[in-house]
Amino acid sequence: MIDLHTHSLWSDGELAPAELTRRFEVAGYSLVAITDHGDQSNIDLIIPRLAAFCEENNSRGGMRVIPGIELTHIPPESIPSLVSRSRKLGAKLVVIHGETIVEPVAPGTNKMAIESSADILAHPGLITEEEVALAKERSVSLELTSRKGHSLTNGHVARLAQKVGALLVLNSDAHAPGDIWPASRLHEIVVGAGLTGDDYQTMLKNAEQIVEQCLT
């Protein structure tokens, strides 16, 4: 299993990158991306440090770790430049904090994230069908999440993605040990969103393709 949205103590997570990595490994995962919250003020601090950790970790073998960023509560007009800047700083994966219904994310964030060709639009809330169609066109993956609160709109996101044919991925948005689901139980989140076991397998393949693209 792959998780492409997690947080360490470099933002608001509880665990150092090494412990976060180890806990995911023990839970049955083969790869994890650390995507701490970032904005204009801190991405130049977070990304290089995560990149250095991942390089050292991956050189030793075992579970692979990808350095990323979750651009969070960014004014929509600033998203394109920060996506580009994040990649230049060494982020292999760029996640945008979408318009979840449990936080006051600026309207227009979902659309701008997609237009900026981020890799993943996290917990996009009540995303519109037009935005989902644009995500399909731009090959931006939409997230289903096990994160409490953000997961309230999983069914809506899944329904529109299935209707339009947009890419879906499943992530934890883990901030603490209790957020790390055993890999053997993740299909329950997908089924709970109204999808099937076959859809779950497709989402696993989507995550693998994202990783392949990020690392080439």
N, C-alpha and C. Protein backbone atom coordinates (compact mmCIF):
# COMPACT_ATOMS: atom_id res chain seq x y z
N MET A 1 0.83 -1.19 0.00
CA MET A 1 0.00 0.00 0.00
C MET A 1 0.87 1.25 0.00
N ILE A 2 0.37 2.30 -0.62
CA ILE A 2 1.06 3.57 -0.73
C ILE A 2 0.19 4.66 -0.10
N ASP A 3 0.80 5.54 0.67
CA ASP A 3 0.09 6.71 1.21
C ASP A 3 0.84 7.96 0.77
N LEU A 4 0.14 8.85 0.07
CA LEU A 4 0.78 10.02 -0.52
C LEU A 4 0.37 11.33 0.16
N HIS A 5 -0.06 11.26 1.41
CA HIS A 5 -0.45 12.47 2.13
C HIS A 5 -0.32 12.23 3.64
N THR A 6 0.83 12.63 4.20
CA THR A 6 1.06 12.46 5.64
C THR A 6 1.80 13.69 6.17
N HIS A 7 1.82 13.82 7.50
CA HIS A 7 2.43 14.98 8.14
C HIS A 7 3.34 14.58 9.29
N SER A 8 4.46 15.25 9.39
CA SER A 8 5.41 15.05 10.49
C SER A 8 5.43 16.29 11.37
N LEU A 9 6.34 16.31 12.34
CA LEU A 9 6.41 17.48 13.22
C LEU A 9 7.01 18.70 12.53
N TRP A 10 7.40 18.56 11.26
CA TRP A 10 7.82 19.74 10.51
C TRP A 10 6.64 20.67 10.22
N SER A 11 5.39 20.15 10.41
CA SER A 11 4.23 21.05 10.40
C SER A 11 3.41 20.73 11.64
N ASP A 12 2.22 20.18 11.49
CA ASP A 12 1.39 19.94 12.67
C ASP A 12 1.23 18.47 13.00
N GLY A 13 2.12 17.62 12.47
CA GLY A 13 2.10 16.22 12.84
C GLY A 13 2.78 16.00 14.18
N GLU A 14 2.56 14.84 14.76
CA GLU A 14 3.10 14.53 16.08
C GLU A 14 4.44 13.80 16.04
N LEU A 15 4.81 13.23 14.89
CA LEU A 15 5.95 12.33 14.83
C LEU A 15 7.09 12.90 13.99
N ALA A 16 8.31 12.61 14.39
CA ALA A 16 9.47 12.91 13.55
C ALA A 16 9.38 12.05 12.28
N PRO A 17 9.97 12.49 11.19
CA PRO A 17 9.89 11.72 9.95
C PRO A 17 10.30 10.25 10.11
N ALA A 18 11.34 9.99 10.89
CA ALA A 18 11.79 8.61 11.05
C ALA A 18 10.74 7.74 11.72
N GLU A 19 10.09 8.27 12.77
CA GLU A 19 9.06 7.47 13.44
C GLU A 19 7.82 7.33 12.57
N LEU A 20 7.45 8.40 11.89
CA LEU A 20 6.31 8.33 10.97
C LEU A 20 6.54 7.23 9.94
N THR A 21 7.73 7.22 9.36
CA THR A 21 8.08 6.21 8.36
C THR A 21 8.00 4.81 8.95
N ARG A 22 8.56 4.62 10.11
CA ARG A 22 8.57 3.30 10.74
C ARG A 22 7.17 2.81 11.05
N ARG A 23 6.32 3.69 11.54
CA ARG A 23 4.96 3.26 11.87
C ARG A 23 4.18 2.84 10.62
N PHE A 24 4.38 3.54 9.52
CA PHE A 24 3.72 3.13 8.28
C PHE A 24 4.26 1.80 7.79
N GLU A 25 5.55 1.60 7.93
CA GLU A 25 6.16 0.34 7.50
C GLU A 25 5.57 -0.83 8.28
N VAL A 26 5.46 -0.67 9.59
CA VAL A 26 4.92 -1.73 10.44
C VAL A 26 3.44 -1.98 10.13
N ALA A 27 2.73 -0.93 9.69
CA ALA A 27 1.31 -1.08 9.35
C ALA A 27 1.09 -1.75 8.00
N GLY A 28 2.18 -2.04 7.28
CA GLY A 28 2.04 -2.80 6.04
C GLY A 28 2.17 -2.02 4.76
N TYR A 29 2.73 -0.82 4.84
CA TYR A 29 2.88 0.03 3.66
C TYR A 29 4.26 -0.20 3.02
N SER A 30 4.32 0.07 1.69
CA SER A 30 5.58 -0.07 0.96
C SER A 30 6.21 1.27 0.62
N LEU A 31 5.41 2.33 0.65
CA LEU A 31 5.91 3.68 0.32
C LEU A 31 5.01 4.72 0.95
N VAL A 32 5.62 5.81 1.40
CA VAL A 32 4.86 6.91 1.98
C VAL A 32 5.47 8.22 1.52
N ALA A 33 4.64 9.22 1.30
CA ALA A 33 5.10 10.57 1.03
C ALA A 33 4.85 11.43 2.26
N ILE A 34 5.84 12.21 2.64
CA ILE A 34 5.66 13.16 3.75
C ILE A 34 5.38 14.51 3.12
N THR A 35 4.19 15.04 3.39
CA THR A 35 3.70 16.24 2.70
C THR A 35 3.26 17.26 3.74
N ASP A 36 4.22 17.80 4.46
CA ASP A 36 3.87 18.74 5.53
C ASP A 36 3.24 20.01 4.99
N HIS A 37 2.44 20.65 5.83
CA HIS A 37 1.76 21.89 5.45
C HIS A 37 2.77 23.00 5.17
N GLY A 38 2.59 23.68 4.05
CA GLY A 38 3.50 24.77 3.72
C GLY A 38 2.78 25.92 3.04
N ASP A 39 3.40 27.09 3.15
CA ASP A 39 2.92 28.27 2.43
C ASP A 39 4.13 29.12 2.05
N GLN A 40 3.90 30.37 1.72
CA GLN A 40 4.99 31.25 1.29
C GLN A 40 6.08 31.39 2.35
N SER A 41 5.72 31.19 3.61
CA SER A 41 6.64 31.49 4.71
C SER A 41 7.63 30.39 5.02
N ASN A 42 7.34 29.14 4.62
CA ASN A 42 8.15 28.05 5.18
C ASN A 42 8.56 26.95 4.21
N ILE A 43 8.13 27.00 2.96
CA ILE A 43 8.46 25.87 2.09
C ILE A 43 9.96 25.73 1.86
N ASP A 44 10.69 26.85 1.93
CA ASP A 44 12.13 26.77 1.74
C ASP A 44 12.82 26.13 2.94
N LEU A 45 12.15 26.04 4.08
CA LEU A 45 12.67 25.33 5.25
C LEU A 45 12.27 23.86 5.23
N ILE A 46 11.00 23.59 4.93
CA ILE A 46 10.47 22.24 5.03
C ILE A 46 10.99 21.32 3.94
N ILE A 47 10.87 21.75 2.70
CA ILE A 47 11.14 20.82 1.59
C ILE A 47 12.58 20.32 1.56
N PRO A 48 13.60 21.20 1.66
CA PRO A 48 14.97 20.67 1.62
C PRO A 48 15.28 19.70 2.76
N ARG A 49 14.71 19.94 3.93
CA ARG A 49 14.96 19.04 5.06
C ARG A 49 14.29 17.68 4.85
N LEU A 50 13.08 17.68 4.33
CA LEU A 50 12.42 16.42 4.02
C LEU A 50 13.15 15.68 2.91
N ALA A 51 13.63 16.43 1.91
CA ALA A 51 14.37 15.80 0.82
C ALA A 51 15.64 15.13 1.32
N ALA A 52 16.33 15.79 2.24
CA ALA A 52 17.56 15.22 2.81
C ALA A 52 17.24 13.96 3.61
N PHE A 53 16.17 14.01 4.40
CA PHE A 53 15.79 12.83 5.18
C PHE A 53 15.45 11.67 4.25
N CYS A 54 14.67 11.93 3.22
CA CYS A 54 14.25 10.86 2.30
C CYS A 54 15.45 10.25 1.58
N GLU A 55 16.38 11.09 1.17
CA GLU A 55 17.56 10.57 0.49
C GLU A 55 18.35 9.63 1.39
N GLU A 56 18.54 10.02 2.64
CA GLU A 56 19.28 9.18 3.58
C GLU A 56 18.52 7.90 3.88
N ASN A 57 17.22 8.02 4.11
CA ASN A 57 16.39 6.85 4.40
C ASN A 57 16.40 5.86 3.25
N ASN A 58 16.21 6.35 2.05
CA ASN A 58 16.09 5.47 0.89
C ASN A 58 17.42 4.80 0.54
N SER A 59 18.52 5.41 0.94
CA SER A 59 19.83 4.83 0.66
C SER A 59 20.07 3.57 1.48
N ARG A 60 19.30 3.40 2.56
CA ARG A 60 19.47 2.25 3.45
C ARG A 60 18.55 1.10 3.09
N GLY A 61 17.69 1.27 2.08
CA GLY A 61 16.75 0.22 1.73
C GLY A 61 15.52 0.29 2.62
N GLY A 62 14.67 -0.72 2.53
CA GLY A 62 13.44 -0.71 3.31
C GLY A 62 12.37 0.11 2.64
N MET A 63 11.41 0.58 3.41
CA MET A 63 10.31 1.33 2.85
C MET A 63 10.77 2.66 2.28
N ARG A 64 10.32 2.98 1.08
CA ARG A 64 10.73 4.21 0.43
C ARG A 64 9.88 5.38 0.92
N VAL A 65 10.48 6.56 0.96
CA VAL A 65 9.81 7.77 1.40
C VAL A 65 10.04 8.86 0.35
N ILE A 66 8.98 9.58 -0.01
CA ILE A 66 9.05 10.64 -1.01
C ILE A 66 8.88 11.99 -0.31
N PRO A 67 9.73 12.96 -0.63
CA PRO A 67 9.55 14.31 -0.06
C PRO A 67 8.50 15.09 -0.84
N GLY A 68 7.54 15.64 -0.11
CA GLY A 68 6.48 16.41 -0.76
C GLY A 68 6.12 17.64 0.05
N ILE A 69 5.02 18.22 -0.31
CA ILE A 69 4.49 19.39 0.40
C ILE A 69 2.99 19.43 0.21
N GLU A 70 2.27 19.88 1.21
CA GLU A 70 0.85 20.20 1.04
C GLU A 70 0.70 21.70 1.17
N LEU A 71 0.53 22.36 0.05
CA LEU A 71 0.32 23.80 0.06
C LEU A 71 -1.06 24.07 0.64
N THR A 72 -1.09 24.82 1.74
CA THR A 72 -2.26 24.87 2.61
C THR A 72 -2.76 26.30 2.82
N HIS A 73 -4.05 26.50 2.55
CA HIS A 73 -4.69 27.81 2.71
C HIS A 73 -3.94 28.90 1.94
N ILE A 74 -3.50 28.55 0.75
CA ILE A 74 -2.82 29.51 -0.12
C ILE A 74 -3.86 30.35 -0.85
N PRO A 75 -3.70 31.67 -0.94
CA PRO A 75 -4.60 32.44 -1.81
C PRO A 75 -4.56 31.85 -3.21
N PRO A 76 -5.70 31.59 -3.81
CA PRO A 76 -5.71 30.90 -5.10
C PRO A 76 -4.76 31.48 -6.14
N GLU A 77 -4.65 32.81 -6.18
CA GLU A 77 -3.80 33.44 -7.20
C GLU A 77 -2.31 33.14 -6.97
N SER A 78 -1.94 32.70 -5.76
CA SER A 78 -0.55 32.39 -5.45
C SER A 78 -0.19 30.93 -5.69
N ILE A 79 -1.18 30.09 -5.95
CA ILE A 79 -0.92 28.66 -6.07
C ILE A 79 0.02 28.32 -7.23
N PRO A 80 -0.17 28.85 -8.43
CA PRO A 80 0.72 28.43 -9.53
C PRO A 80 2.19 28.67 -9.25
N SER A 81 2.54 29.83 -8.73
CA SER A 81 3.95 30.12 -8.48
C SER A 81 4.51 29.25 -7.37
N LEU A 82 3.69 28.92 -6.37
CA LEU A 82 4.18 28.11 -5.26
C LEU A 82 4.31 26.64 -5.65
N VAL A 83 3.46 26.17 -6.56
CA VAL A 83 3.63 24.81 -7.09
C VAL A 83 4.97 24.71 -7.79
N SER A 84 5.26 25.68 -8.64
CA SER A 84 6.54 25.69 -9.37
C SER A 84 7.72 25.80 -8.42
N ARG A 85 7.61 26.69 -7.45
CA ARG A 85 8.71 26.89 -6.50
C ARG A 85 8.95 25.65 -5.66
N SER A 86 7.87 24.97 -5.27
CA SER A 86 8.01 23.75 -4.47
C SER A 86 8.78 22.68 -5.22
N ARG A 87 8.48 22.53 -6.50
CA ARG A 87 9.19 21.53 -7.29
C ARG A 87 10.67 21.88 -7.41
N LYS A 88 10.97 23.15 -7.58
CA LYS A 88 12.37 23.57 -7.69
C LYS A 88 13.13 23.35 -6.39
N LEU A 89 12.43 23.42 -5.26
CA LEU A 89 13.06 23.20 -3.96
C LEU A 89 13.28 21.72 -3.65
N GLY A 90 12.70 20.85 -4.47
CA GLY A 90 12.93 19.42 -4.27
C GLY A 90 11.72 18.60 -3.91
N ALA A 91 10.53 19.18 -3.93
CA ALA A 91 9.31 18.41 -3.66
C ALA A 91 9.03 17.49 -4.85
N LYS A 92 9.00 16.21 -4.62
CA LYS A 92 8.67 15.25 -5.67
C LYS A 92 7.17 15.11 -5.87
N LEU A 93 6.42 15.55 -4.87
CA LEU A 93 4.96 15.44 -4.90
C LEU A 93 4.36 16.72 -4.34
N VAL A 94 3.47 17.35 -5.10
CA VAL A 94 2.81 18.57 -4.64
C VAL A 94 1.32 18.28 -4.45
N VAL A 95 0.89 18.41 -3.22
CA VAL A 95 -0.51 18.24 -2.83
C VAL A 95 -1.07 19.63 -2.51
N ILE A 96 -2.29 19.89 -2.91
CA ILE A 96 -2.96 21.13 -2.54
C ILE A 96 -4.08 20.83 -1.55
N HIS A 97 -4.11 21.58 -0.47
CA HIS A 97 -5.15 21.48 0.55
C HIS A 97 -6.46 22.01 -0.03
N GLY A 98 -7.35 21.09 -0.37
CA GLY A 98 -8.58 21.47 -1.07
C GLY A 98 -9.64 22.07 -0.18
N GLU A 99 -10.79 22.34 -0.78
CA GLU A 99 -11.87 23.08 -0.13
C GLU A 99 -12.73 22.19 0.77
N THR A 100 -12.08 21.56 1.75
CA THR A 100 -12.79 20.76 2.73
C THR A 100 -13.90 21.58 3.40
N ILE A 101 -14.99 20.91 3.76
CA ILE A 101 -16.10 21.64 4.37
C ILE A 101 -15.88 21.94 5.84
N VAL A 102 -14.77 21.43 6.43
CA VAL A 102 -14.54 21.65 7.86
C VAL A 102 -13.49 22.71 8.14
N GLU A 103 -13.01 23.40 7.09
CA GLU A 103 -12.07 24.50 7.26
C GLU A 103 -12.42 25.62 6.28
N PRO A 104 -12.06 26.87 6.61
CA PRO A 104 -12.43 28.01 5.75
C PRO A 104 -11.44 28.22 4.60
N VAL A 105 -11.31 27.22 3.75
CA VAL A 105 -10.41 27.32 2.60
C VAL A 105 -11.01 28.31 1.59
N ALA A 106 -10.15 29.13 1.00
CA ALA A 106 -10.63 30.17 0.08
C ALA A 106 -11.33 29.56 -1.13
N PRO A 107 -12.51 30.08 -1.48
CA PRO A 107 -13.17 29.63 -2.72
C PRO A 107 -12.27 29.85 -3.92
N GLY A 108 -12.30 28.90 -4.82
CA GLY A 108 -11.44 28.98 -6.00
C GLY A 108 -10.17 28.17 -5.86
N THR A 109 -9.91 27.65 -4.65
CA THR A 109 -8.70 26.86 -4.43
C THR A 109 -8.70 25.59 -5.27
N ASN A 110 -9.83 24.87 -5.28
CA ASN A 110 -9.89 23.62 -6.04
C ASN A 110 -9.56 23.85 -7.51
N LYS A 111 -10.19 24.83 -8.11
CA LYS A 111 -9.99 25.07 -9.54
C LYS A 111 -8.56 25.48 -9.84
N MET A 112 -8.01 26.37 -9.02
CA MET A 112 -6.65 26.83 -9.28
C MET A 112 -5.63 25.71 -9.07
N ALA A 113 -5.87 24.85 -8.09
CA ALA A 113 -4.98 23.72 -7.87
C ALA A 113 -4.94 22.82 -9.10
N ILE A 114 -6.10 22.59 -9.68
CA ILE A 114 -6.17 21.74 -10.87
C ILE A 114 -5.51 22.44 -12.06
N GLU A 115 -5.80 23.71 -12.24
CA GLU A 115 -5.21 24.44 -13.36
C GLU A 115 -3.69 24.53 -13.24
N SER A 116 -3.18 24.46 -12.01
CA SER A 116 -1.74 24.53 -11.77
C SER A 116 -1.05 23.18 -11.90
N SER A 117 -1.83 22.14 -12.22
CA SER A 117 -1.30 20.79 -12.41
C SER A 117 -0.58 20.26 -11.19
N ALA A 118 -1.17 20.49 -10.00
CA ALA A 118 -0.68 19.81 -8.81
C ALA A 118 -0.85 18.31 -9.01
N ASP A 119 -0.16 17.52 -8.21
CA ASP A 119 -0.29 16.07 -8.35
C ASP A 119 -1.59 15.56 -7.75
N ILE A 120 -1.94 16.07 -6.57
CA ILE A 120 -3.14 15.61 -5.87
C ILE A 120 -3.88 16.80 -5.29
N LEU A 121 -5.19 16.81 -5.45
CA LEU A 121 -6.06 17.77 -4.77
C LEU A 121 -6.66 17.04 -3.57
N ALA A 122 -6.20 17.40 -2.39
CA ALA A 122 -6.61 16.69 -1.18
C ALA A 122 -8.00 17.14 -0.72
N HIS A 123 -8.74 16.18 -0.15
CA HIS A 123 -10.06 16.44 0.44
C HIS A 123 -10.76 17.65 -0.19
N PRO A 124 -11.20 17.53 -1.45
CA PRO A 124 -11.74 18.68 -2.18
C PRO A 124 -13.17 19.07 -1.83
N GLY A 125 -13.73 18.49 -0.78
CA GLY A 125 -15.04 18.92 -0.30
C GLY A 125 -16.12 18.77 -1.34
N LEU A 126 -16.95 19.80 -1.47
CA LEU A 126 -18.08 19.76 -2.41
C LEU A 126 -17.63 20.27 -3.78
N ILE A 127 -16.62 19.62 -4.32
CA ILE A 127 -16.08 19.97 -5.62
C ILE A 127 -17.18 19.87 -6.67
N THR A 128 -17.12 20.73 -7.68
CA THR A 128 -18.16 20.74 -8.72
C THR A 128 -17.83 19.72 -9.80
N GLU A 129 -18.84 19.35 -10.54
CA GLU A 129 -18.64 18.42 -11.65
C GLU A 129 -17.71 19.01 -12.71
N GLU A 130 -17.82 20.32 -12.93
CA GLU A 130 -16.95 20.98 -13.90
C GLU A 130 -15.48 20.90 -13.46
N GLU A 131 -15.25 21.06 -12.17
CA GLU A 131 -13.88 20.95 -11.65
C GLU A 131 -13.35 19.52 -11.74
N VAL A 132 -14.23 18.57 -11.51
CA VAL A 132 -13.83 17.16 -11.64
C VAL A 132 -13.46 16.85 -13.08
N ALA A 133 -14.23 17.38 -14.03
CA ALA A 133 -13.92 17.17 -15.44
C ALA A 133 -12.58 17.81 -15.80
N LEU A 134 -12.30 18.96 -15.23
CA LEU A 134 -11.02 19.62 -15.47
C LEU A 134 -9.88 18.80 -14.86
N ALA A 135 -10.12 18.21 -13.69
CA ALA A 135 -9.10 17.35 -13.07
C ALA A 135 -8.79 16.15 -13.96
N LYS A 136 -9.82 15.59 -14.57
CA LYS A 136 -9.59 14.49 -15.51
C LYS A 136 -8.73 14.95 -16.68
N GLU A 137 -9.07 16.12 -17.22
CA GLU A 137 -8.33 16.66 -18.37
C GLU A 137 -6.87 16.92 -18.03
N ARG A 138 -6.61 17.41 -16.82
CA ARG A 138 -5.25 17.77 -16.42
C ARG A 138 -4.51 16.62 -15.71
N SER A 139 -5.17 15.48 -15.58
CA SER A 139 -4.59 14.31 -14.89
C SER A 139 -4.20 14.63 -13.45
N VAL A 140 -5.02 15.42 -12.78
CA VAL A 140 -4.84 15.71 -11.35
C VAL A 140 -5.69 14.72 -10.57
N SER A 141 -5.09 14.02 -9.62
CA SER A 141 -5.82 13.03 -8.85
C SER A 141 -6.60 13.68 -7.71
N LEU A 142 -7.80 13.20 -7.49
CA LEU A 142 -8.65 13.66 -6.39
C LEU A 142 -8.56 12.65 -5.25
N GLU A 143 -8.59 13.17 -4.03
CA GLU A 143 -8.33 12.33 -2.87
C GLU A 143 -9.60 11.91 -2.15
N LEU A 144 -9.68 10.61 -1.84
CA LEU A 144 -10.54 10.12 -0.78
C LEU A 144 -9.65 9.96 0.44
N THR A 145 -10.18 10.27 1.60
CA THR A 145 -9.36 10.32 2.80
C THR A 145 -9.99 9.59 3.96
N SER A 146 -9.14 9.03 4.80
CA SER A 146 -9.61 8.43 6.05
C SER A 146 -9.61 9.44 7.19
N ARG A 147 -9.19 10.67 6.92
CA ARG A 147 -9.08 11.70 7.94
C ARG A 147 -10.45 12.16 8.40
N LYS A 148 -10.68 12.11 9.70
CA LYS A 148 -11.97 12.52 10.25
C LYS A 148 -12.26 13.97 9.86
N GLY A 149 -13.51 14.28 9.64
CA GLY A 149 -13.89 15.63 9.19
C GLY A 149 -13.78 15.75 7.69
N HIS A 150 -12.58 15.67 7.18
CA HIS A 150 -12.37 15.76 5.73
C HIS A 150 -13.09 14.64 4.99
N SER A 151 -13.27 13.50 5.63
CA SER A 151 -13.86 12.33 4.97
C SER A 151 -15.37 12.47 4.78
N LEU A 152 -15.97 13.50 5.35
CA LEU A 152 -17.43 13.65 5.27
C LEU A 152 -17.93 13.76 3.83
N THR A 153 -17.09 14.24 2.93
CA THR A 153 -17.52 14.41 1.54
C THR A 153 -16.92 13.35 0.61
N ASN A 154 -16.37 12.28 1.17
CA ASN A 154 -15.81 11.23 0.32
C ASN A 154 -16.82 10.71 -0.70
N GLY A 155 -18.06 10.49 -0.25
CA GLY A 155 -19.08 9.95 -1.15
C GLY A 155 -19.36 10.87 -2.32
N HIS A 156 -19.42 12.16 -2.05
CA HIS A 156 -19.64 13.15 -3.12
C HIS A 156 -18.50 13.14 -4.12
N VAL A 157 -17.28 13.15 -3.62
CA VAL A 157 -16.11 13.15 -4.49
C VAL A 157 -16.06 11.86 -5.32
N ALA A 158 -16.32 10.75 -4.67
CA ALA A 158 -16.28 9.46 -5.37
C ALA A 158 -17.34 9.39 -6.46
N ARG A 159 -18.54 9.86 -6.16
CA ARG A 159 -19.63 9.79 -7.13
C ARG A 159 -19.31 10.58 -8.39
N LEU A 160 -18.82 11.83 -8.21
CA LEU A 160 -18.53 12.66 -9.37
C LEU A 160 -17.31 12.14 -10.13
N ALA A 161 -16.32 11.67 -9.41
CA ALA A 161 -15.13 11.13 -10.10
C ALA A 161 -15.50 9.91 -10.93
N GLN A 162 -16.34 9.06 -10.38
CA GLN A 162 -16.77 7.88 -11.12
C GLN A 162 -17.62 8.27 -12.34
N LYS A 163 -18.46 9.26 -12.18
CA LYS A 163 -19.31 9.71 -13.29
C LYS A 163 -18.48 10.28 -14.43
N VAL A 164 -17.47 11.07 -14.09
CA VAL A 164 -16.67 11.78 -15.09
C VAL A 164 -15.49 10.95 -15.57
N GLY A 165 -15.01 10.04 -14.73
CA GLY A 165 -13.83 9.25 -15.07
C GLY A 165 -12.54 9.88 -14.61
N ALA A 166 -12.60 10.69 -13.54
CA ALA A 166 -11.40 11.33 -13.00
C ALA A 166 -10.63 10.35 -12.12
N LEU A 167 -9.35 10.63 -11.95
CA LEU A 167 -8.49 9.78 -11.15
C LEU A 167 -8.75 9.98 -9.65
N LEU A 168 -8.78 8.89 -8.91
CA LEU A 168 -8.95 8.92 -7.46
C LEU A 168 -7.77 8.22 -6.79
N VAL A 169 -7.37 8.76 -5.64
CA VAL A 169 -6.39 8.09 -4.79
C VAL A 169 -6.91 8.09 -3.36
N LEU A 170 -6.39 7.17 -2.57
CA LEU A 170 -6.79 7.04 -1.17
C LEU A 170 -5.61 7.36 -0.28
N ASN A 171 -5.78 8.33 0.61
CA ASN A 171 -4.71 8.74 1.53
C ASN A 171 -5.25 8.89 2.95
N SER A 172 -4.32 8.96 3.89
CA SER A 172 -4.72 9.06 5.30
C SER A 172 -4.74 10.48 5.83
N ASP A 173 -3.90 11.38 5.25
CA ASP A 173 -3.70 12.71 5.85
C ASP A 173 -3.30 12.54 7.31
N ALA A 174 -2.43 11.57 7.57
CA ALA A 174 -2.07 11.22 8.94
C ALA A 174 -1.31 12.34 9.63
N HIS A 175 -1.72 12.66 10.86
CA HIS A 175 -1.04 13.61 11.72
C HIS A 175 -0.53 12.96 13.00
N ALA A 176 -1.06 11.79 13.33
CA ALA A 176 -0.75 11.13 14.60
C ALA A 176 -0.80 9.62 14.40
N PRO A 177 -0.22 8.85 15.34
CA PRO A 177 -0.23 7.38 15.18
C PRO A 177 -1.61 6.80 14.95
N GLY A 178 -2.62 7.35 15.59
CA GLY A 178 -3.97 6.83 15.44
C GLY A 178 -4.59 7.06 14.08
N ASP A 179 -3.96 7.89 13.28
CA ASP A 179 -4.48 8.15 11.93
C ASP A 179 -3.99 7.13 10.91
N ILE A 180 -3.08 6.27 11.30
CA ILE A 180 -2.49 5.31 10.36
C ILE A 180 -3.31 4.03 10.36
N TRP A 181 -4.09 3.85 9.32
CA TRP A 181 -4.91 2.65 9.21
C TRP A 181 -4.07 1.47 8.76
N PRO A 182 -4.35 0.27 9.28
CA PRO A 182 -3.67 -0.92 8.74
C PRO A 182 -3.99 -1.06 7.25
N ALA A 183 -2.99 -1.41 6.46
CA ALA A 183 -3.20 -1.54 5.03
C ALA A 183 -4.32 -2.54 4.72
N SER A 184 -4.49 -3.52 5.58
CA SER A 184 -5.49 -4.56 5.35
C SER A 184 -6.93 -4.05 5.46
N ARG A 185 -7.11 -2.85 6.02
CA ARG A 185 -8.47 -2.34 6.24
C ARG A 185 -8.83 -1.15 5.36
N LEU A 186 -7.93 -0.69 4.53
CA LEU A 186 -8.16 0.54 3.77
C LEU A 186 -9.32 0.43 2.79
N HIS A 187 -9.59 -0.79 2.30
CA HIS A 187 -10.69 -0.95 1.36
C HIS A 187 -12.02 -0.55 1.97
N GLU A 188 -12.11 -0.56 3.30
CA GLU A 188 -13.37 -0.20 3.96
C GLU A 188 -13.73 1.26 3.69
N ILE A 189 -12.73 2.12 3.60
CA ILE A 189 -12.99 3.54 3.32
C ILE A 189 -13.58 3.71 1.93
N VAL A 190 -13.03 2.95 0.99
CA VAL A 190 -13.50 3.02 -0.40
C VAL A 190 -14.93 2.51 -0.50
N VAL A 191 -15.20 1.38 0.12
CA VAL A 191 -16.56 0.82 0.10
C VAL A 191 -17.53 1.76 0.81
N GLY A 192 -17.08 2.38 1.89
CA GLY A 192 -17.91 3.32 2.62
C GLY A 192 -18.27 4.56 1.82
N ALA A 193 -17.46 4.86 0.80
CA ALA A 193 -17.74 6.00 -0.07
C ALA A 193 -18.63 5.60 -1.25
N GLY A 194 -19.11 4.36 -1.25
CA GLY A 194 -20.02 3.92 -2.30
C GLY A 194 -19.35 3.27 -3.48
N LEU A 195 -18.06 2.95 -3.36
CA LEU A 195 -17.34 2.32 -4.45
C LEU A 195 -17.18 0.82 -4.18
N THR A 196 -16.41 0.14 -5.02
CA THR A 196 -16.29 -1.31 -4.94
C THR A 196 -14.84 -1.73 -4.74
N GLY A 197 -14.66 -3.02 -4.55
CA GLY A 197 -13.32 -3.56 -4.44
C GLY A 197 -12.50 -3.33 -5.70
N ASP A 198 -13.15 -3.39 -6.85
CA ASP A 198 -12.45 -3.12 -8.11
C ASP A 198 -11.98 -1.66 -8.16
N ASP A 199 -12.82 -0.76 -7.66
CA ASP A 199 -12.42 0.65 -7.61
C ASP A 199 -11.21 0.84 -6.70
N TYR A 200 -11.18 0.09 -5.61
CA TYR A 200 -10.05 0.15 -4.69
C TYR A 200 -8.76 -0.26 -5.40
N GLN A 201 -8.82 -1.33 -6.16
CA GLN A 201 -7.64 -1.78 -6.90
C GLN A 201 -7.20 -0.73 -7.92
N THR A 202 -8.15 -0.07 -8.55
CA THR A 202 -7.82 0.99 -9.50
C THR A 202 -7.12 2.14 -8.79
N MET A 203 -7.58 2.48 -7.60
CA MET A 203 -6.96 3.56 -6.84
C MET A 203 -5.53 3.22 -6.44
N LEU A 204 -5.28 1.97 -6.13
CA LEU A 204 -3.91 1.54 -5.82
C LEU A 204 -3.01 1.74 -7.04
N LYS A 205 -3.52 1.38 -8.21
CA LYS A 205 -2.75 1.55 -9.44
C LYS A 205 -2.52 3.03 -9.74
N ASN A 206 -3.54 3.86 -9.45
CA ASN A 206 -3.38 5.30 -9.66
C ASN A 206 -2.24 5.85 -8.80
N ALA A 207 -2.17 5.40 -7.54
CA ALA A 207 -1.11 5.85 -6.65
C ALA A 207 0.26 5.42 -7.18
N GLU A 208 0.34 4.21 -7.68
CA GLU A 208 1.60 3.72 -8.24
C GLU A 208 2.03 4.56 -9.44
N GLN A 209 1.07 4.95 -10.26
CA GLN A 209 1.40 5.77 -11.43
C GLN A 209 1.88 7.15 -11.02
N ILE A 210 1.27 7.72 -9.98
CA ILE A 210 1.72 9.02 -9.48
C ILE A 210 3.17 8.93 -9.02
N VAL A 211 3.49 7.87 -8.28
CA VAL A 211 4.85 7.70 -7.79
C VAL A 211 5.82 7.56 -8.96
N GLU A 212 5.45 6.78 -9.94
CA GLU A 212 6.31 6.60 -11.11
C GLU A 212 6.59 7.92 -11.81
N GLN A 213 5.53 8.73 -11.96
CA GLN A 213 5.69 10.05 -12.61
C GLN A 213 6.54 10.99 -11.78
N CYS A 214 6.36 10.94 -10.46
CA CYS A 214 7.09 11.84 -9.57
C CYS A 214 8.59 11.55 -9.57
N LEU A 215 8.94 10.30 -9.74
CA LEU A 215 10.33 9.88 -9.61
C LEU A 215 11.07 9.80 -10.93
N THR A 216 10.41 10.18 -12.03
CA THR A 216 11.09 10.17 -13.33
C THR A 216 11.57 11.56 -13.69
